[in-house]
Amino acid sequence: MRRTAWQRLLAAAAGSTVLTYAVLRIAESRGVALLPPPVVSVLVVLLIAGVVLAMGWAVRQYAQGNRPNLDPLVAARTVVLATAAAWTGALLTGWYAGQVLVVVGDLEIAARRDVAEAAGAALVGTVLLAVVGLVVERWCEVKPPDDAPGTGLSAGAAT
């Protein structure tokens, strides 16, 4: 299994930012009011990042030989979870960045400033989630055995 390229995540975030911005501008032109994201969304993203980080730390300890009793299936699932977290973080980054861009010109209006602040906080959380996903993917890399040089398999790859 290959590591997720940060360039692809950046492209996904940029694409989802453009799409979100366009859809929200069209919706606002038709009278739809943009509401601030709920605070719980930030908390849930941070909770997921914490879980991914904790699971990744356990796999890292296993890969370094400090935790020999970890089930290899858990390690494989952690790699998949880390990849999903990285992609989810990237796409949600675009979603919240698009919301910030829609309201950034009207920050003197209290309702628009509330949207910018809440979406900005959520944006920081989703960037953190994407970064945690990439870091945990890296932690889950396992060196190939001596009899299979250059295979570059990670903990989630099937042989």
Foldseek 3Di string as FASTA:
>chain_A
DDADDVVVLQVLLVVLLVVLLVVVVVVVVVPDDDAADDPVLLVVLLVLLVVLLVLLVQLLCCLVVNDVPDDLVSLLVSLVSLVVQLNQLSNLLSNLNNLLVNLVVPCVDPRSVNNNVRSVSSNVSSVSSNVSSNVSNVSQAHQDDPVDPPPRDGSNDDD
